[in-house]
């Protein structure tokens, strides 16, 4: 019996972004299926953030196409992407390390009891419950959501995803299944040099 093919949720074709003479992203072809969890990895300046900014409407691609749920889309702002169901939670410097998980997820659009401007009271219970729902949908398991972000590690991505997409110098140079790979292979793709030691790659 042939297994039914999963629906394509997000697809990019030839996605490219140039900043003047700098080719930050070049001909990125990417496919994300329904229910699939994918990590995008690469060294600093590899094009990870540029790729994410294109599909979330933060920046307009120089060329290429983006399809979401089977439809060609042209996001002109993060609000356009949010309306379609695409949002970004950034790692490292873009996170508030002193805040917990729900506070970071709802940063800038907090749930409140009453809108009293700077004197509004946060509805922390509602943000916590919504965060649990979102994380359950994505398959991310965090034992204690009230833990500060600064006390968490990014090294779990391999435990949470099925596939790793590797970017190097603005191009997608590899796609590997996590069940069939290890940190050394991923680092080799990131650097272009075969690794013989056990090191951890840098995740987006």
N, C-alpha and C. Protein backbone atom coordinates (compact mmCIF):
# COMPACT_ATOMS: atom_id res chain seq x y z
N UNK A 1 0.85 -1.19 0.00
CA UNK A 1 0.00 0.00 0.00
C UNK A 1 0.88 1.25 0.00
N UNK A 2 0.63 2.16 -0.92
CA UNK A 2 1.43 3.37 -1.03
C UNK A 2 0.97 4.37 0.01
N UNK A 3 1.92 4.90 0.80
CA UNK A 3 1.60 5.89 1.82
C UNK A 3 1.14 7.18 1.16
N UNK A 4 0.05 7.75 1.69
CA UNK A 4 -0.49 8.99 1.15
C UNK A 4 0.51 10.13 1.36
N UNK A 5 0.74 10.88 0.32
CA UNK A 5 1.69 11.98 0.40
C UNK A 5 1.10 13.10 1.26
N UNK A 6 1.94 13.67 2.12
CA UNK A 6 1.48 14.75 2.98
C UNK A 6 1.32 16.04 2.19
N UNK A 7 0.35 16.82 2.60
CA UNK A 7 0.06 18.09 1.95
C UNK A 7 1.22 19.06 2.13
N UNK A 8 1.54 19.80 1.07
CA UNK A 8 2.58 20.82 1.14
C UNK A 8 1.97 22.08 1.75
N UNK A 9 2.54 22.53 2.87
CA UNK A 9 2.05 23.72 3.56
C UNK A 9 2.78 24.98 3.10
N UNK A 10 4.10 24.88 3.02
CA UNK A 10 4.92 26.03 2.62
C UNK A 10 5.93 25.59 1.58
N UNK A 11 6.06 26.40 0.52
CA UNK A 11 7.00 26.06 -0.54
C UNK A 11 7.62 27.35 -1.09
N UNK A 12 8.93 27.30 -1.31
CA UNK A 12 9.59 28.43 -1.96
C UNK A 12 10.28 27.93 -3.23
N UNK A 13 10.28 28.76 -4.24
CA UNK A 13 10.93 28.42 -5.50
C UNK A 13 11.88 29.55 -5.89
N UNK A 14 13.17 29.24 -5.93
CA UNK A 14 14.16 30.23 -6.35
C UNK A 14 14.19 31.48 -5.50
N UNK A 15 13.88 31.35 -4.21
CA UNK A 15 13.81 32.53 -3.34
C UNK A 15 15.20 33.17 -3.22
N UNK A 16 15.27 34.45 -3.55
CA UNK A 16 16.55 35.16 -3.63
C UNK A 16 16.42 36.54 -3.00
N UNK A 17 17.49 36.94 -2.27
CA UNK A 17 17.52 38.28 -1.70
C UNK A 17 18.91 38.85 -1.85
N UNK A 18 18.99 40.02 -2.52
CA UNK A 18 20.25 40.74 -2.70
C UNK A 18 20.18 42.06 -1.94
N UNK A 19 21.27 42.39 -1.25
CA UNK A 19 21.41 43.72 -0.65
C UNK A 19 22.53 44.42 -1.41
N UNK A 20 22.17 45.16 -2.45
CA UNK A 20 23.18 45.74 -3.31
C UNK A 20 23.93 44.60 -4.00
N UNK A 21 25.25 44.57 -3.82
CA UNK A 21 26.04 43.51 -4.44
C UNK A 21 26.18 42.27 -3.59
N UNK A 22 25.57 42.26 -2.41
CA UNK A 22 25.66 41.10 -1.51
C UNK A 22 24.50 40.16 -1.77
N UNK A 23 24.83 38.90 -2.08
CA UNK A 23 23.81 37.88 -2.32
C UNK A 23 23.57 37.12 -1.02
N UNK A 24 22.65 37.61 -0.20
CA UNK A 24 22.40 37.01 1.11
C UNK A 24 21.65 35.70 1.00
N UNK A 25 20.83 35.55 -0.04
CA UNK A 25 20.06 34.32 -0.26
C UNK A 25 19.96 34.11 -1.75
N UNK A 26 20.22 32.87 -2.20
CA UNK A 26 20.28 32.62 -3.63
C UNK A 26 19.55 31.32 -3.99
N UNK A 27 18.48 31.45 -4.78
CA UNK A 27 17.78 30.29 -5.36
C UNK A 27 17.42 29.23 -4.32
N UNK A 28 16.76 29.66 -3.24
CA UNK A 28 16.39 28.73 -2.17
C UNK A 28 15.07 28.03 -2.50
N UNK A 29 15.15 26.73 -2.75
CA UNK A 29 13.98 25.89 -2.97
C UNK A 29 13.72 25.10 -1.69
N UNK A 30 12.54 25.25 -1.13
CA UNK A 30 12.23 24.69 0.18
C UNK A 30 10.80 24.18 0.19
N UNK A 31 10.58 23.04 0.88
CA UNK A 31 9.23 22.48 1.00
C UNK A 31 8.99 22.05 2.44
N UNK A 32 7.85 22.46 2.98
CA UNK A 32 7.44 22.05 4.32
C UNK A 32 6.08 21.38 4.20
N UNK A 33 5.98 20.13 4.68
CA UNK A 33 4.74 19.38 4.60
C UNK A 33 3.91 19.50 5.87
N UNK A 34 2.65 19.17 5.74
CA UNK A 34 1.73 19.19 6.88
C UNK A 34 2.24 18.29 8.00
N UNK A 35 2.34 18.84 9.21
CA UNK A 35 2.78 18.07 10.35
C UNK A 35 4.27 17.87 10.47
N UNK A 36 5.04 18.45 9.56
CA UNK A 36 6.48 18.27 9.54
C UNK A 36 7.19 19.35 10.35
N UNK A 37 8.25 18.94 11.05
CA UNK A 37 9.06 19.88 11.84
C UNK A 37 10.46 19.92 11.23
N UNK A 38 10.88 21.12 10.85
CA UNK A 38 12.14 21.28 10.14
C UNK A 38 13.00 22.32 10.83
N UNK A 39 14.29 22.04 10.94
CA UNK A 39 15.26 23.01 11.47
C UNK A 39 16.05 23.59 10.31
N UNK A 40 16.29 24.89 10.36
CA UNK A 40 17.13 25.56 9.37
C UNK A 40 18.39 26.00 10.10
N UNK A 41 19.54 25.47 9.68
CA UNK A 41 20.79 25.73 10.39
C UNK A 41 21.84 26.29 9.45
N UNK A 42 22.88 26.88 10.06
CA UNK A 42 23.97 27.43 9.27
C UNK A 42 24.82 28.33 10.13
N UNK A 43 25.99 28.64 9.64
CA UNK A 43 26.91 29.52 10.35
C UNK A 43 26.38 30.96 10.31
N UNK A 44 27.01 31.85 11.05
CA UNK A 44 26.64 33.27 10.99
C UNK A 44 26.80 33.79 9.56
N UNK A 45 25.77 34.46 9.07
CA UNK A 45 25.81 35.01 7.72
C UNK A 45 25.49 34.01 6.63
N UNK A 46 25.02 32.82 7.01
CA UNK A 46 24.73 31.78 6.01
C UNK A 46 23.45 32.06 5.24
N UNK A 47 22.57 32.90 5.79
CA UNK A 47 21.32 33.20 5.10
C UNK A 47 20.08 32.75 5.85
N UNK A 48 20.25 32.20 7.06
CA UNK A 48 19.11 31.69 7.83
C UNK A 48 18.07 32.78 8.11
N UNK A 49 18.53 33.85 8.73
CA UNK A 49 17.61 34.93 9.09
C UNK A 49 17.02 35.59 7.85
N UNK A 50 17.84 35.74 6.81
CA UNK A 50 17.34 36.32 5.57
C UNK A 50 16.21 35.47 5.00
N UNK A 51 16.40 34.15 5.02
CA UNK A 51 15.36 33.25 4.51
C UNK A 51 14.07 33.41 5.31
N UNK A 52 14.18 33.43 6.64
CA UNK A 52 13.00 33.57 7.49
C UNK A 52 12.32 34.92 7.26
N UNK A 53 13.11 35.97 7.09
CA UNK A 53 12.52 37.29 6.87
C UNK A 53 11.73 37.36 5.57
N UNK A 54 12.13 36.60 4.57
CA UNK A 54 11.39 36.61 3.30
C UNK A 54 10.03 35.94 3.43
N UNK A 55 9.99 34.80 4.14
CA UNK A 55 8.73 34.05 4.21
C UNK A 55 7.78 34.59 5.28
N UNK A 56 8.27 35.50 6.12
CA UNK A 56 7.40 36.08 7.15
C UNK A 56 7.02 37.53 6.85
N UNK A 57 7.39 38.02 5.69
CA UNK A 57 6.96 39.35 5.29
C UNK A 57 7.76 40.48 5.87
N UNK A 58 8.83 40.18 6.59
CA UNK A 58 9.67 41.24 7.16
C UNK A 58 10.42 41.97 6.06
N UNK A 59 10.80 41.24 5.01
CA UNK A 59 11.46 41.82 3.85
C UNK A 59 10.83 41.28 2.57
N UNK A 60 10.97 42.02 1.52
CA UNK A 60 10.44 41.61 0.21
C UNK A 60 11.56 40.92 -0.56
N UNK A 61 11.33 39.70 -1.07
CA UNK A 61 12.37 39.01 -1.84
C UNK A 61 12.76 39.78 -3.09
N UNK A 62 14.02 39.63 -3.48
CA UNK A 62 14.47 40.19 -4.75
C UNK A 62 13.82 39.46 -5.91
N UNK A 63 13.74 38.14 -5.78
CA UNK A 63 13.07 37.32 -6.78
C UNK A 63 12.67 36.00 -6.14
N UNK A 64 11.91 35.22 -6.88
CA UNK A 64 11.45 33.93 -6.36
C UNK A 64 9.98 33.97 -5.96
N UNK A 65 9.45 32.80 -5.63
CA UNK A 65 8.03 32.68 -5.29
C UNK A 65 7.86 31.96 -3.95
N UNK A 66 6.80 32.35 -3.26
CA UNK A 66 6.44 31.72 -1.99
C UNK A 66 5.00 31.24 -2.09
N UNK A 67 4.79 29.97 -1.78
CA UNK A 67 3.45 29.40 -1.78
C UNK A 67 3.11 28.97 -0.35
N UNK A 68 1.94 29.37 0.12
CA UNK A 68 1.47 28.96 1.44
C UNK A 68 0.10 28.32 1.30
N UNK A 69 0.02 27.07 1.75
CA UNK A 69 -1.23 26.31 1.65
C UNK A 69 -1.72 26.24 0.20
N UNK A 70 -0.77 26.10 -0.72
CA UNK A 70 -1.11 25.92 -2.13
C UNK A 70 -1.33 27.20 -2.90
N UNK A 71 -1.29 28.34 -2.23
CA UNK A 71 -1.56 29.62 -2.90
C UNK A 71 -0.30 30.47 -2.97
N UNK A 72 -0.08 31.11 -4.11
CA UNK A 72 1.02 32.04 -4.26
C UNK A 72 0.75 33.26 -3.38
N UNK A 73 1.71 33.62 -2.51
CA UNK A 73 1.51 34.74 -1.60
C UNK A 73 2.60 35.78 -1.80
N UNK A 74 2.25 37.02 -1.49
CA UNK A 74 3.21 38.13 -1.54
C UNK A 74 3.01 38.96 -0.28
N UNK A 75 3.70 38.57 0.78
CA UNK A 75 3.57 39.28 2.04
C UNK A 75 4.37 40.57 1.99
N UNK A 76 3.75 41.66 2.42
CA UNK A 76 4.43 42.95 2.45
C UNK A 76 4.76 43.41 3.86
N UNK A 77 4.34 42.62 4.85
CA UNK A 77 4.65 42.94 6.24
C UNK A 77 4.42 41.69 7.08
N UNK A 78 4.99 41.65 8.29
CA UNK A 78 4.71 40.52 9.19
C UNK A 78 3.23 40.38 9.51
N UNK A 79 2.49 41.48 9.47
CA UNK A 79 1.05 41.41 9.73
C UNK A 79 0.35 40.61 8.63
N UNK A 80 0.80 40.77 7.39
CA UNK A 80 0.22 39.98 6.29
C UNK A 80 0.44 38.50 6.54
N UNK A 81 1.67 38.14 6.94
CA UNK A 81 1.98 36.75 7.20
C UNK A 81 1.21 36.22 8.40
N UNK A 82 1.07 37.06 9.43
CA UNK A 82 0.34 36.64 10.63
C UNK A 82 -1.11 36.31 10.32
N UNK A 83 -1.72 37.10 9.44
CA UNK A 83 -3.11 36.86 9.06
C UNK A 83 -3.28 35.49 8.42
N UNK A 84 -2.23 35.01 7.76
CA UNK A 84 -2.29 33.70 7.11
C UNK A 84 -1.86 32.57 8.06
N UNK A 85 -1.33 32.93 9.23
CA UNK A 85 -0.95 31.91 10.21
C UNK A 85 0.54 31.67 10.34
N UNK A 86 1.36 32.59 9.81
CA UNK A 86 2.82 32.46 9.91
C UNK A 86 3.35 33.50 10.88
N UNK A 87 4.05 33.04 11.90
CA UNK A 87 4.67 33.96 12.86
C UNK A 87 6.07 33.47 13.20
N UNK A 88 6.86 34.36 13.79
CA UNK A 88 8.25 34.04 14.12
C UNK A 88 8.51 34.31 15.59
N UNK A 89 9.16 33.35 16.25
CA UNK A 89 9.68 33.56 17.59
C UNK A 89 11.19 33.42 17.46
N UNK A 90 11.91 34.52 17.66
CA UNK A 90 13.35 34.53 17.39
C UNK A 90 14.16 34.00 18.57
N UNK A 91 15.36 33.52 18.24
CA UNK A 91 16.29 32.99 19.23
C UNK A 91 17.33 34.05 19.57
N UNK A 92 18.05 33.82 20.66
CA UNK A 92 19.20 34.62 21.06
C UNK A 92 18.84 36.08 21.35
N UNK A 93 19.48 37.03 20.66
CA UNK A 93 19.36 38.43 21.02
C UNK A 93 17.95 38.98 20.85
N UNK A 94 17.12 38.32 20.05
CA UNK A 94 15.76 38.81 19.84
C UNK A 94 14.81 38.32 20.92
N UNK A 95 15.27 37.44 21.81
CA UNK A 95 14.45 36.97 22.91
C UNK A 95 14.74 37.77 24.16
N UNK A 96 13.73 37.87 25.02
CA UNK A 96 13.90 38.50 26.31
C UNK A 96 14.26 37.42 27.31
N UNK A 97 15.55 37.28 27.63
CA UNK A 97 16.02 36.19 28.47
C UNK A 97 15.42 36.19 29.87
N UNK A 98 15.03 37.36 30.36
CA UNK A 98 14.50 37.46 31.71
C UNK A 98 13.01 37.14 31.79
N UNK A 99 12.39 36.93 30.63
CA UNK A 99 10.96 36.59 30.59
C UNK A 99 10.77 35.11 30.34
N UNK A 100 9.59 34.60 30.69
CA UNK A 100 9.31 33.18 30.49
C UNK A 100 8.80 32.94 29.07
N UNK A 101 8.42 31.70 28.78
CA UNK A 101 8.01 31.32 27.43
C UNK A 101 6.77 32.06 26.96
N UNK A 102 5.66 32.06 27.72
CA UNK A 102 4.48 32.79 27.25
C UNK A 102 4.73 34.27 27.02
N UNK A 103 5.52 34.89 27.90
CA UNK A 103 5.80 36.32 27.76
C UNK A 103 6.56 36.61 26.48
N UNK A 104 7.45 35.71 26.06
CA UNK A 104 8.17 35.88 24.80
C UNK A 104 7.28 35.64 23.60
N UNK A 105 6.43 34.63 23.68
CA UNK A 105 5.54 34.33 22.56
C UNK A 105 4.59 35.49 22.30
N UNK A 106 4.12 36.14 23.37
CA UNK A 106 3.14 37.22 23.23
C UNK A 106 3.78 38.60 23.35
N UNK A 107 5.10 38.67 23.21
CA UNK A 107 5.80 39.94 23.34
C UNK A 107 5.31 40.94 22.28
N UNK A 108 4.82 42.07 22.75
CA UNK A 108 4.32 43.09 21.83
C UNK A 108 2.85 42.96 21.51
N UNK A 109 2.23 41.87 21.91
CA UNK A 109 0.78 41.69 21.69
C UNK A 109 0.19 40.89 22.86
N UNK A 110 0.52 41.34 24.06
CA UNK A 110 0.14 40.66 25.28
C UNK A 110 -1.37 40.60 25.47
N UNK A 111 -1.83 39.54 26.09
CA UNK A 111 -3.23 39.43 26.47
C UNK A 111 -3.42 40.22 27.77
N UNK A 112 -4.47 41.06 27.81
CA UNK A 112 -4.71 41.87 28.99
C UNK A 112 -6.15 41.73 29.44
N UNK A 113 -6.38 42.06 30.71
CA UNK A 113 -7.76 42.03 31.24
C UNK A 113 -8.53 43.25 30.77
N UNK A 114 -7.96 44.43 30.97
CA UNK A 114 -8.57 45.68 30.55
C UNK A 114 -7.50 46.58 29.95
N UNK A 115 -7.85 47.28 28.88
CA UNK A 115 -6.90 48.17 28.22
C UNK A 115 -6.87 49.52 28.93
N UNK A 116 -5.89 49.65 29.83
CA UNK A 116 -5.72 50.89 30.58
C UNK A 116 -4.36 51.52 30.28
N UNK A 117 -3.89 51.30 29.04
CA UNK A 117 -2.60 51.85 28.65
C UNK A 117 -1.48 51.25 29.48
N UNK A 118 -0.57 52.07 30.01
CA UNK A 118 0.55 51.55 30.78
C UNK A 118 0.14 50.91 32.11
N UNK A 119 -1.14 51.09 32.49
CA UNK A 119 -1.61 50.52 33.75
C UNK A 119 -2.45 49.26 33.54
N UNK A 120 -2.40 48.71 32.33
CA UNK A 120 -3.15 47.48 32.03
C UNK A 120 -2.55 46.30 32.79
N UNK A 121 -3.41 45.33 33.12
CA UNK A 121 -2.97 44.13 33.82
C UNK A 121 -2.92 42.96 32.84
N UNK A 122 -1.80 42.25 32.82
CA UNK A 122 -1.64 41.12 31.91
C UNK A 122 -2.52 39.94 32.34
N UNK A 123 -3.08 39.28 31.34
CA UNK A 123 -3.83 38.05 31.59
C UNK A 123 -2.85 36.88 31.41
N UNK A 124 -2.04 36.64 32.42
CA UNK A 124 -0.99 35.63 32.31
C UNK A 124 -1.55 34.23 32.15
N UNK A 125 -2.66 33.96 32.77
CA UNK A 125 -3.26 32.62 32.64
C UNK A 125 -3.67 32.34 31.19
N UNK A 126 -4.27 33.33 30.53
CA UNK A 126 -4.69 33.16 29.13
C UNK A 126 -3.49 32.96 28.23
N UNK A 127 -2.41 33.74 28.45
CA UNK A 127 -1.21 33.60 27.64
C UNK A 127 -0.57 32.23 27.86
N UNK A 128 -0.60 31.73 29.09
CA UNK A 128 -0.04 30.41 29.39
C UNK A 128 -0.80 29.32 28.67
N UNK A 129 -2.13 29.39 28.72
CA UNK A 129 -2.95 28.36 28.07
C UNK A 129 -2.79 28.39 26.56
N UNK A 130 -2.76 29.59 25.96
CA UNK A 130 -2.57 29.69 24.52
C UNK A 130 -1.19 29.20 24.11
N UNK A 131 -0.18 29.46 24.95
CA UNK A 131 1.18 28.99 24.66
C UNK A 131 1.22 27.47 24.66
N UNK A 132 0.53 26.85 25.61
CA UNK A 132 0.47 25.39 25.66
C UNK A 132 -0.15 24.83 24.38
N UNK A 133 -1.20 25.49 23.89
CA UNK A 133 -1.87 25.03 22.67
C UNK A 133 -0.94 25.13 21.47
N UNK A 134 -0.23 26.26 21.36
CA UNK A 134 0.68 26.47 20.23
C UNK A 134 1.81 25.46 20.25
N UNK A 135 2.41 25.26 21.42
CA UNK A 135 3.53 24.33 21.53
C UNK A 135 3.08 22.89 21.28
N UNK A 136 1.86 22.57 21.69
CA UNK A 136 1.34 21.22 21.45
C UNK A 136 1.18 20.97 19.95
N UNK A 137 0.75 22.00 19.21
CA UNK A 137 0.58 21.86 17.77
C UNK A 137 1.91 21.65 17.06
N UNK A 138 2.96 22.30 17.57
CA UNK A 138 4.26 22.19 16.93
C UNK A 138 5.08 21.01 17.42
N UNK A 139 4.61 20.35 18.49
CA UNK A 139 5.32 19.19 19.00
C UNK A 139 6.48 19.54 19.93
N UNK A 140 6.60 20.81 20.30
CA UNK A 140 7.67 21.23 21.19
C UNK A 140 7.27 20.96 22.64
N UNK A 141 8.13 20.27 23.36
CA UNK A 141 7.84 19.91 24.75
C UNK A 141 8.79 20.65 25.68
N UNK A 142 8.23 21.55 26.46
CA UNK A 142 8.99 22.29 27.46
C UNK A 142 8.37 21.99 28.81
N UNK A 143 9.11 21.33 29.69
CA UNK A 143 8.54 20.89 30.97
C UNK A 143 7.90 22.01 31.79
N UNK A 144 8.56 23.16 31.85
CA UNK A 144 8.05 24.25 32.67
C UNK A 144 8.08 25.56 31.88
N UNK A 145 6.89 25.99 31.44
CA UNK A 145 6.80 27.17 30.59
C UNK A 145 7.13 28.47 31.32
N UNK A 146 7.07 28.43 32.64
CA UNK A 146 7.36 29.64 33.41
C UNK A 146 8.86 29.83 33.64
N UNK A 147 9.67 28.92 33.08
CA UNK A 147 11.12 29.07 33.19
C UNK A 147 11.60 30.23 32.32
N UNK A 148 12.55 31.00 32.82
CA UNK A 148 13.10 32.10 32.03
C UNK A 148 13.84 31.57 30.80
N UNK A 149 13.73 32.30 29.70
CA UNK A 149 14.35 31.86 28.45
C UNK A 149 15.86 31.72 28.58
N UNK A 150 16.47 32.56 29.42
CA UNK A 150 17.92 32.52 29.59
C UNK A 150 18.42 31.22 30.17
N UNK A 151 17.51 30.45 30.77
CA UNK A 151 17.90 29.18 31.38
C UNK A 151 17.64 27.99 30.47
N UNK A 152 17.27 28.26 29.21
CA UNK A 152 16.97 27.18 28.27
C UNK A 152 18.07 27.06 27.22
N UNK A 153 18.12 25.91 26.57
CA UNK A 153 19.15 25.63 25.57
C UNK A 153 18.55 25.50 24.19
N UNK A 154 19.30 25.97 23.19
CA UNK A 154 18.86 25.81 21.79
C UNK A 154 19.28 24.47 21.21
N UNK A 155 20.04 23.69 21.96
CA UNK A 155 20.56 22.43 21.46
C UNK A 155 19.55 21.32 21.32
N UNK A 156 18.25 21.60 21.65
CA UNK A 156 17.21 20.59 21.49
C UNK A 156 16.70 20.55 20.04
N UNK A 157 16.98 21.40 19.16
CA UNK A 157 16.27 21.40 17.87
C UNK A 157 16.26 20.03 17.24
N UNK A 158 17.52 19.27 17.27
CA UNK A 158 17.65 17.89 16.70
C UNK A 158 16.66 16.92 17.34
N UNK A 159 16.30 17.12 18.61
CA UNK A 159 15.36 16.22 19.28
C UNK A 159 13.92 16.48 18.87
N UNK A 160 13.67 17.62 18.23
CA UNK A 160 12.30 18.03 17.95
C UNK A 160 11.92 17.95 16.47
N UNK A 161 12.90 17.86 15.59
CA UNK A 161 12.60 17.94 14.15
C UNK A 161 12.87 16.63 13.43
N UNK A 162 12.27 16.52 12.26
CA UNK A 162 12.45 15.34 11.42
C UNK A 162 13.51 15.57 10.35
N UNK A 163 13.71 16.83 10.01
CA UNK A 163 14.59 17.16 8.89
C UNK A 163 15.37 18.42 9.20
N UNK A 164 16.60 18.48 8.72
CA UNK A 164 17.46 19.65 8.90
C UNK A 164 17.86 20.19 7.53
N UNK A 165 17.61 21.47 7.32
CA UNK A 165 18.01 22.15 6.10
C UNK A 165 19.25 22.98 6.43
N UNK A 166 20.32 22.81 5.65
CA UNK A 166 21.58 23.50 5.93
C UNK A 166 21.82 24.59 4.88
N UNK A 167 22.09 25.80 5.37
CA UNK A 167 22.43 26.92 4.51
C UNK A 167 23.91 27.25 4.67
N UNK A 168 24.57 27.57 3.55
CA UNK A 168 25.95 28.03 3.57
C UNK A 168 26.13 29.06 2.47
N UNK A 169 26.63 30.22 2.86
CA UNK A 169 26.89 31.32 1.92
C UNK A 169 25.67 31.64 1.06
N UNK A 170 24.52 31.67 1.71
CA UNK A 170 23.30 32.08 1.04
C UNK A 170 22.59 31.02 0.23
N UNK A 171 23.10 29.81 0.23
CA UNK A 171 22.47 28.74 -0.54
C UNK A 171 22.13 27.54 0.34
N UNK A 172 21.07 26.85 -0.02
CA UNK A 172 20.74 25.59 0.65
C UNK A 172 21.68 24.53 0.10
N UNK A 173 22.54 23.98 0.98
CA UNK A 173 23.56 23.04 0.53
C UNK A 173 23.31 21.61 1.01
N UNK A 174 22.28 21.42 1.81
CA UNK A 174 22.01 20.07 2.28
C UNK A 174 20.66 19.95 2.94
N UNK A 175 20.11 18.74 2.87
CA UNK A 175 18.86 18.40 3.54
C UNK A 175 19.01 16.99 4.08
N UNK A 176 18.96 16.84 5.41
CA UNK A 176 19.20 15.53 6.01
C UNK A 176 18.09 15.20 7.00
N UNK A 177 17.80 13.91 7.13
CA UNK A 177 16.84 13.44 8.11
C UNK A 177 17.55 13.24 9.45
N UNK A 178 16.96 13.74 10.52
CA UNK A 178 17.63 13.66 11.82
C UNK A 178 17.83 12.23 12.29
N UNK A 179 16.94 11.34 11.88
CA UNK A 179 17.08 9.95 12.30
C UNK A 179 18.27 9.26 11.64
N UNK A 180 18.81 9.88 10.58
CA UNK A 180 19.89 9.25 9.84
C UNK A 180 21.17 10.10 9.84
N UNK A 181 21.26 11.03 10.79
CA UNK A 181 22.43 11.91 10.79
C UNK A 181 22.93 12.14 12.20
N UNK A 182 24.01 12.89 12.33
CA UNK A 182 24.53 13.27 13.63
C UNK A 182 25.09 14.69 13.53
N UNK A 183 25.56 15.22 14.65
CA UNK A 183 26.07 16.57 14.66
C UNK A 183 27.24 16.79 13.74
N UNK A 184 28.09 15.76 13.59
CA UNK A 184 29.27 15.91 12.73
C UNK A 184 28.91 16.13 11.27
N UNK A 185 27.93 15.37 10.79
CA UNK A 185 27.52 15.53 9.39
C UNK A 185 26.94 16.91 9.15
N UNK A 186 26.14 17.38 10.09
CA UNK A 186 25.52 18.69 9.94
C UNK A 186 26.58 19.79 9.95
N UNK A 187 27.53 19.69 10.87
CA UNK A 187 28.60 20.69 10.93
C UNK A 187 29.44 20.66 9.65
N UNK A 188 29.65 19.47 9.09
CA UNK A 188 30.39 19.36 7.83
C UNK A 188 29.69 20.11 6.71
N UNK A 189 28.36 20.01 6.68
CA UNK A 189 27.60 20.73 5.66
C UNK A 189 27.65 22.23 5.92
N UNK A 190 27.60 22.62 7.18
CA UNK A 190 27.63 24.04 7.52
C UNK A 190 28.96 24.68 7.12
N UNK A 191 30.05 23.98 7.41
CA UNK A 191 31.38 24.56 7.18
C UNK A 191 31.98 24.20 5.84
N UNK A 192 31.50 23.10 5.24
CA UNK A 192 32.11 22.61 4.01
C UNK A 192 33.37 21.81 4.26
N UNK A 193 33.63 21.50 5.55
CA UNK A 193 34.81 20.74 5.94
C UNK A 193 34.38 19.53 6.75
N UNK A 194 34.92 18.35 6.44
CA UNK A 194 34.56 17.15 7.16
C UNK A 194 35.01 17.25 8.61
N UNK A 195 34.08 16.91 9.53
CA UNK A 195 34.38 17.00 10.95
C UNK A 195 34.66 15.62 11.53
N UNK A 196 35.63 15.53 12.42
CA UNK A 196 35.93 14.28 13.09
C UNK A 196 35.77 14.37 14.61
N UNK A 197 35.18 15.52 15.04
CA UNK A 197 34.95 15.69 16.47
C UNK A 197 33.49 15.95 16.71
N UNK A 198 33.04 15.74 17.94
CA UNK A 198 31.64 15.92 18.27
C UNK A 198 31.41 17.35 18.72
N UNK A 199 30.83 18.17 17.83
CA UNK A 199 30.54 19.55 18.17
C UNK A 199 29.08 19.84 17.82
N UNK A 200 28.56 20.92 18.40
CA UNK A 200 27.17 21.28 18.19
C UNK A 200 27.05 22.41 17.18
N UNK A 201 26.16 22.30 16.17
CA UNK A 201 25.98 23.37 15.21
C UNK A 201 25.20 24.53 15.82
N UNK A 202 25.19 25.65 15.11
CA UNK A 202 24.45 26.82 15.55
C UNK A 202 23.09 26.82 14.90
N UNK A 203 22.04 26.86 15.70
CA UNK A 203 20.68 26.78 15.19
C UNK A 203 20.04 28.14 15.12
N UNK A 204 19.06 28.27 14.23
CA UNK A 204 18.36 29.54 14.10
C UNK A 204 17.41 29.71 15.28
